[in-house]
Amino acid sequence: MSNCAILGTSKIASIHLNSLLKNNFKKFFLVSRNINKAKKFISEYKLQKNKNIYPSDYAILNKENFDLINICVNTNHHSDCLDLLRKSKSLIIVEKPIIPINIFKGEYSKYLKRIYKKHNNLLVCYPMLFLAKSFLKKFSVEKNINKLEIFYNTNGKNKFNDIGQDLLPHAISLAYELLGKKKFSNKILKIKSKVYSKKWCGVIILKNTELKFNFTENLKKKSQFYFKINNKTVKRTTKIINGVFTNFLKFKNNKIKIKNPMHEFLNYSLKNKNNFSWLHENKTLTYEVMKINSLFLNK
């Protein structure tokens, strides 16, 4: 492989970078509009020892060739980055959500069509797809899921509807895999939400299936994620083992170690960057995520 560019200096940028460092890129460029922010990021996350990581500003995107450009800037600037990269032939992976639904609102579909017309090499990052795949592979699950309830608390700063916009992509991608893609082709019969300062709750009624979402964002609480299938709880737990962030799933008194979902998503995407089916499936899921987010926003 040649080079990889990470756009942004957020915590999620560090998570993506740590996953991508395991791949055989020649050089990594940490890109920010202000190169001093990039240098500070490298210092804060103690990346100086890795001689293949270089701080840079956006000018580098026109000077080097990249196999991967990974967008991890604030969601409100995703569209600016995608417009900037409109002539790029690199694989582009965007941290979810692809664009801010609260800004684009009813125009989101029109804008997405314009994005995908310019970028046939675009993927949105949905690690929960791979958490769901691991669960289905490791555990025996009843075929008919009539109720799926997803609980997620993060130590994010979002409030009100922004909580839903932030966390729905995780929940919908999980449900998309657990329920099967055909379920999402069903007409939504009912949708409703309750919005609070630090809590967001939503319900979607599909044919024969009820989806419930319970999200909170609180800087004082640790991240917690679990879901219930027909009222039976599946817990994701994490632990640092020998310096490695390790994931586990617990279901019916069985606790099983799984691969890191973020690593799996990024590695699979790199291996399948020319796989039309994978690109198309991701695009279809992105439209579903944005459609459901838009429906909730307009309630």
Protein backbone atom coordinates (compact mmCIF):
# COMPACT_ATOMS: atom_id res chain seq x y z
CA MET A 1 0.00 0.00 0.00
CA SER A 2 1.03 3.63 -0.40
CA ASN A 3 -0.18 6.38 1.93
CA CYS A 4 -3.03 7.03 4.35
CA ALA A 5 -4.43 10.43 5.36
CA ILE A 6 -6.44 10.96 8.55
CA LEU A 7 -8.39 14.22 8.44
CA GLY A 8 -9.10 15.61 11.90
CA THR A 9 -7.63 15.74 15.39
CA SER A 10 -10.54 14.39 17.44
CA LYS A 11 -10.67 11.39 19.78
CA ILE A 12 -12.36 9.37 17.03
CA ALA A 13 -9.43 10.23 14.74
CA SER A 14 -7.11 8.58 17.28
CA ILE A 15 -9.32 5.46 17.35
CA HIS A 16 -9.30 5.19 13.55
CA LEU A 17 -5.56 5.82 13.41
CA ASN A 18 -4.77 3.13 16.00
CA SER A 19 -6.75 0.63 13.91
CA LEU A 20 -5.14 1.68 10.64
CA LEU A 21 -1.59 1.54 12.02
CA LYS A 22 -1.89 -2.25 11.85
CA ASN A 23 -2.05 -1.99 8.06
CA ASN A 24 0.98 -1.81 5.81
CA PHE A 25 0.79 1.84 4.74
CA LYS A 26 4.06 3.47 3.74
CA LYS A 27 3.22 6.81 5.36
CA PHE A 28 0.45 8.19 7.58
CA PHE A 29 -0.42 11.88 7.38
CA LEU A 30 -2.33 13.45 10.27
CA VAL A 31 -4.09 16.34 8.53
CA SER A 32 -5.54 19.49 10.08
CA ARG A 33 -6.30 22.98 8.78
CA ASN A 34 -3.78 24.12 11.39
CA ILE A 35 -0.60 22.04 11.25
CA ASN A 36 0.15 22.93 14.89
CA LYS A 37 -3.03 21.08 15.90
CA ALA A 38 -1.76 18.04 14.04
CA LYS A 39 1.59 18.26 15.85
CA LYS A 40 -0.19 18.63 19.22
CA PHE A 41 -2.40 15.61 18.43
CA ILE A 42 0.65 13.46 17.66
CA SER A 43 2.26 14.60 20.91
CA GLU A 44 -0.84 14.09 23.09
CA TYR A 45 -1.42 10.55 21.81
CA LYS A 46 2.30 9.74 22.12
CA LEU A 47 2.72 8.90 18.44
CA GLN A 48 6.16 10.49 18.08
CA LYS A 49 7.88 7.09 18.23
CA ASN A 50 6.15 6.04 15.02
CA LYS A 51 8.38 7.59 12.37
CA ASN A 52 5.78 6.98 9.63
CA ILE A 53 3.29 9.53 11.01
CA TYR A 54 3.59 13.07 9.68
CA PRO A 55 1.66 16.20 10.71
CA SER A 56 0.31 18.18 7.78
CA ASP A 57 -2.23 20.68 6.53
CA TYR A 58 -4.71 20.14 3.69
CA ALA A 59 -2.15 21.01 1.01
CA ILE A 60 -0.75 17.48 1.34
CA LEU A 61 -3.89 16.09 -0.34
CA ASN A 62 -2.71 17.57 -3.63
CA LYS A 63 0.95 16.57 -3.20
CA GLU A 64 0.78 12.87 -2.30
CA ASN A 65 -1.10 9.85 -3.61
CA PHE A 66 -3.32 8.07 -1.09
CA ASP A 67 -4.83 4.62 -0.97
CA LEU A 68 -7.08 5.79 1.86
CA ILE A 69 -8.40 9.14 3.04
CA ASN A 70 -10.19 8.84 6.37
CA ILE A 71 -12.48 11.75 7.35
CA CYS A 72 -12.74 12.21 11.14
CA VAL A 73 -13.49 15.93 11.39
CA ASN A 74 -16.59 17.41 13.03
CA THR A 75 -19.75 16.17 11.26
CA ASN A 76 -20.67 19.72 10.24
CA HIS A 77 -17.53 19.82 8.04
CA HIS A 78 -17.95 16.41 6.34
CA SER A 79 -19.59 17.95 3.28
CA ASP A 80 -16.73 20.48 2.93
CA CYS A 81 -14.18 17.64 2.98
CA LEU A 82 -16.14 15.59 0.45
CA ASP A 83 -16.39 18.58 -1.87
CA LEU A 84 -12.65 19.16 -1.48
CA LEU A 85 -12.00 15.54 -2.45
CA ARG A 86 -14.44 15.46 -5.39
CA LYS A 87 -11.65 14.55 -7.86
CA SER A 88 -9.96 12.02 -5.60
CA LYS A 89 -9.66 8.41 -6.73
CA SER A 90 -8.69 7.24 -3.22
CA LEU A 91 -10.90 5.07 -1.05
CA ILE A 92 -12.68 7.51 1.27
CA ILE A 93 -14.01 6.39 4.66
CA VAL A 94 -16.14 8.89 6.58
CA GLU A 95 -16.89 8.69 10.28
CA LYS A 96 -20.66 8.45 10.83
CA PRO A 97 -23.02 10.20 10.19
CA ILE A 98 -22.08 11.07 6.62
CA ILE A 99 -23.59 14.58 6.85
CA PRO A 100 -25.50 16.48 9.59
CA ILE A 101 -29.21 15.81 9.10
CA ASN A 102 -30.14 18.84 11.24
CA ILE A 103 -28.51 21.10 8.63
CA PHE A 104 -29.55 19.36 5.40
CA LYS A 105 -33.01 18.23 6.65
CA GLY A 106 -35.31 17.44 3.71
CA GLU A 107 -32.52 18.12 1.22
CA TYR A 108 -30.32 15.28 2.52
CA SER A 109 -31.36 12.81 -0.22
CA LYS A 110 -30.58 15.28 -2.99
CA TYR A 111 -27.17 16.00 -1.48
CA LEU A 112 -26.39 12.30 -0.99
CA LYS A 113 -27.10 11.64 -4.66
CA ARG A 114 -24.65 14.39 -5.56
CA ILE A 115 -22.02 12.93 -3.21
CA TYR A 116 -22.32 9.39 -4.56
CA LYS A 117 -22.30 10.63 -8.15
CA LYS A 118 -18.86 12.13 -7.50
CA HIS A 119 -17.58 9.40 -5.18
CA ASN A 120 -18.06 5.76 -6.19
CA ASN A 121 -15.30 4.86 -3.71
CA LEU A 122 -17.01 6.12 -0.55
CA LEU A 123 -17.79 4.24 2.68
CA VAL A 124 -19.33 5.42 5.95
CA CYS A 125 -17.90 3.79 9.08
CA TYR A 126 -20.37 1.41 10.80
CA PRO A 127 -18.43 -0.80 13.25
CA MET A 128 -21.64 -2.07 14.87
CA LEU A 129 -22.26 -4.08 11.70
CA PHE A 130 -19.32 -6.23 12.71
CA LEU A 131 -20.33 -6.41 16.36
CA ALA A 132 -23.67 -7.80 15.16
CA LYS A 133 -21.90 -10.24 12.82
CA SER A 134 -19.75 -11.47 15.73
CA PHE A 135 -22.83 -11.93 17.92
CA LEU A 136 -24.69 -13.94 15.27
CA LYS A 137 -21.60 -16.06 14.68
CA LYS A 138 -20.88 -16.76 18.36
CA PHE A 139 -24.39 -17.23 19.78
CA SER A 140 -27.54 -19.10 18.86
CA VAL A 141 -30.39 -16.63 18.34
CA GLU A 142 -34.07 -17.21 17.70
CA LYS A 143 -35.04 -16.52 14.10
CA ASN A 144 -38.00 -14.25 14.76
CA ILE A 145 -36.94 -11.03 16.48
CA ASN A 146 -40.16 -9.25 17.37
CA LYS A 147 -38.54 -6.69 19.65
CA LEU A 148 -35.08 -5.17 19.57
CA GLU A 149 -34.15 -2.56 22.18
CA ILE A 150 -30.77 -0.78 22.08
CA PHE A 151 -29.21 1.11 25.00
CA TYR A 152 -26.18 3.34 24.54
CA ASN A 153 -24.59 5.83 26.91
CA THR A 154 -21.50 7.73 25.79
CA ASN A 155 -19.46 10.49 27.38
CA GLY A 156 -20.21 12.78 24.45
CA LYS A 157 -21.24 16.43 24.60
CA ASN A 158 -24.35 16.30 22.41
CA LYS A 159 -27.78 17.34 23.66
CA PHE A 160 -31.41 16.95 22.57
CA ASN A 161 -31.86 15.73 18.95
CA ASP A 162 -28.10 15.84 18.37
CA ILE A 163 -27.84 12.77 20.63
CA GLY A 164 -30.08 10.85 18.23
CA GLN A 165 -28.17 12.08 15.20
CA ASP A 166 -24.90 10.94 16.81
CA LEU A 167 -25.93 7.48 18.05
CA LEU A 168 -28.67 6.32 15.66
CA PRO A 169 -26.12 5.25 12.99
CA HIS A 170 -24.66 2.78 15.50
CA ALA A 171 -28.06 1.43 16.48
CA ILE A 172 -29.51 1.25 12.98
CA SER A 173 -26.46 -0.52 11.57
CA LEU A 174 -26.65 -3.06 14.41
CA ALA A 175 -30.37 -3.63 13.75
CA TYR A 176 -29.74 -3.78 9.99
CA GLU A 177 -27.50 -6.81 10.50
CA LEU A 178 -29.44 -8.51 13.32
CA LEU A 179 -32.85 -8.24 11.69
CA GLY A 180 -31.72 -8.77 8.12
CA LYS A 181 -31.70 -6.24 5.33
CA LYS A 182 -35.16 -7.22 4.06
CA LYS A 183 -36.75 -5.99 7.29
CA PHE A 184 -35.63 -2.49 6.44
CA SER A 185 -37.39 -2.63 3.09
CA ASN A 186 -40.66 -2.82 5.05
CA LYS A 187 -42.70 0.34 5.40
CA ILE A 188 -42.30 2.12 8.74
CA LEU A 189 -45.75 1.91 10.32
CA LYS A 190 -45.09 4.26 13.23
CA ILE A 191 -42.24 6.39 14.54
CA LYS A 192 -42.03 8.54 17.67
CA SER A 193 -39.42 10.02 20.01
CA LYS A 194 -38.94 11.73 23.34
CA VAL A 195 -36.16 14.28 23.59
CA TYR A 196 -34.46 15.57 26.73
CA SER A 197 -31.33 17.61 27.42
CA LYS A 198 -29.07 14.56 27.94
CA LYS A 199 -31.37 11.73 26.85
CA TRP A 200 -32.98 10.69 23.58
CA CYS A 201 -35.53 7.86 23.18
CA GLY A 202 -37.14 6.62 19.98
CA VAL A 203 -39.47 3.88 18.73
CA ILE A 204 -39.90 2.48 15.22
CA ILE A 205 -42.68 0.03 14.41
CA LEU A 206 -42.00 -2.16 11.37
CA LYS A 207 -44.12 -5.07 10.23
CA ASN A 208 -43.85 -7.68 13.04
CA THR A 209 -40.94 -5.84 14.68
CA GLU A 210 -40.58 -3.09 17.28
CA LEU A 211 -37.31 -1.16 17.49
CA LYS A 212 -36.60 0.91 20.60
CA PHE A 213 -33.66 3.24 21.23
CA ASN A 214 -32.50 4.59 24.59
CA PHE A 215 -29.54 6.96 24.27
CA THR A 216 -27.78 9.23 26.76
CA GLU A 217 -24.66 11.38 26.56
CA ASN A 218 -22.99 12.37 29.80
CA LEU A 219 -19.39 13.46 30.28
CA LYS A 220 -19.42 12.13 33.86
CA LYS A 221 -20.41 8.55 32.98
CA LYS A 222 -18.47 5.77 31.30
CA SER A 223 -19.57 4.52 27.91
CA GLN A 224 -22.00 1.62 28.13
CA PHE A 225 -23.63 -0.37 25.32
CA TYR A 226 -26.08 -3.27 25.42
CA PHE A 227 -29.15 -4.46 23.60
CA LYS A 228 -32.13 -6.73 24.20
CA ILE A 229 -33.46 -9.29 21.72
CA ASN A 230 -37.01 -10.29 22.64
CA ASN A 231 -36.22 -8.98 26.16
CA LYS A 232 -33.03 -11.09 26.50
CA THR A 233 -30.00 -8.92 27.27
CA VAL A 234 -26.74 -8.88 25.30
CA LYS A 235 -23.97 -6.88 26.98
CA ARG A 236 -20.82 -5.55 25.39
CA THR A 237 -17.98 -5.13 27.84
CA THR A 238 -14.44 -3.89 27.24
CA LYS A 239 -11.15 -4.37 29.05
CA ILE A 240 -7.53 -3.37 28.50
CA ILE A 241 -5.51 -6.60 28.33
CA ASN A 242 -1.73 -6.26 27.88
CA GLY A 243 -2.31 -2.76 26.56
CA VAL A 244 -4.89 -3.89 24.01
CA PHE A 245 -8.51 -2.63 24.05
CA THR A 246 -10.45 -5.92 24.09
CA ASN A 247 -14.17 -6.49 23.43
CA PHE A 248 -16.47 -9.12 24.94
CA LEU A 249 -20.12 -10.06 24.45
CA LYS A 250 -22.17 -11.61 27.26
CA PHE A 251 -25.42 -13.44 26.50
CA LYS A 252 -27.27 -16.10 28.51
CA ASN A 253 -24.44 -16.35 31.08
CA ASN A 254 -21.83 -16.94 28.36
CA LYS A 255 -19.07 -14.36 27.90
CA ILE A 256 -17.09 -14.53 24.67
CA LYS A 257 -14.20 -12.45 23.40
CA ILE A 258 -14.77 -10.88 19.97
CA LYS A 259 -12.59 -9.00 17.51
CA ASN A 260 -12.55 -5.22 17.71
CA PRO A 261 -15.51 -4.10 15.52
CA MET A 262 -13.73 -0.91 14.42
CA HIS A 263 -10.65 -2.87 13.33
CA GLU A 264 -12.86 -5.33 11.47
CA PHE A 265 -14.77 -2.62 9.62
CA LEU A 266 -11.65 -0.77 8.50
CA ASN A 267 -9.69 -3.90 7.58
CA TYR A 268 -12.60 -5.42 5.67
CA SER A 269 -13.17 -2.14 3.82
CA LEU A 270 -9.52 -1.92 2.77
CA LYS A 271 -9.55 -5.50 1.50
CA ASN A 272 -12.84 -4.90 -0.36
CA LYS A 273 -12.25 -1.37 -1.64
CA ASN A 274 -13.03 -2.53 -5.21
CA ASN A 275 -15.92 -4.77 -4.22
CA PHE A 276 -19.07 -3.22 -5.70
CA SER A 277 -21.38 -5.25 -3.44
CA TRP A 278 -19.70 -3.96 -0.28
CA LEU A 279 -19.74 -0.35 -1.49
CA HIS A 280 -23.39 -0.66 -2.56
CA GLU A 281 -24.47 -2.25 0.72
CA ASN A 282 -22.81 0.56 2.67
CA LYS A 283 -24.51 3.14 0.46
CA THR A 284 -27.91 1.49 0.99
CA LEU A 285 -27.40 1.45 4.76
CA THR A 286 -26.36 5.12 4.71
CA TYR A 287 -29.60 6.07 2.97
CA GLU A 288 -31.55 4.11 5.62
CA VAL A 289 -29.66 5.82 8.46
CA MET A 290 -30.31 9.26 7.01
CA LYS A 291 -33.95 8.52 6.22
CA ILE A 292 -34.70 7.35 9.77
CA ASN A 293 -32.77 10.24 11.29
CA SER A 294 -34.77 12.64 9.11
CA LEU A 295 -38.08 11.07 10.14
CA PHE A 296 -37.20 11.43 13.81
CA LEU A 297 -36.01 15.00 13.35
CA ASN A 298 -39.32 15.97 11.75
CA LYS A 299 -41.46 14.43 14.51
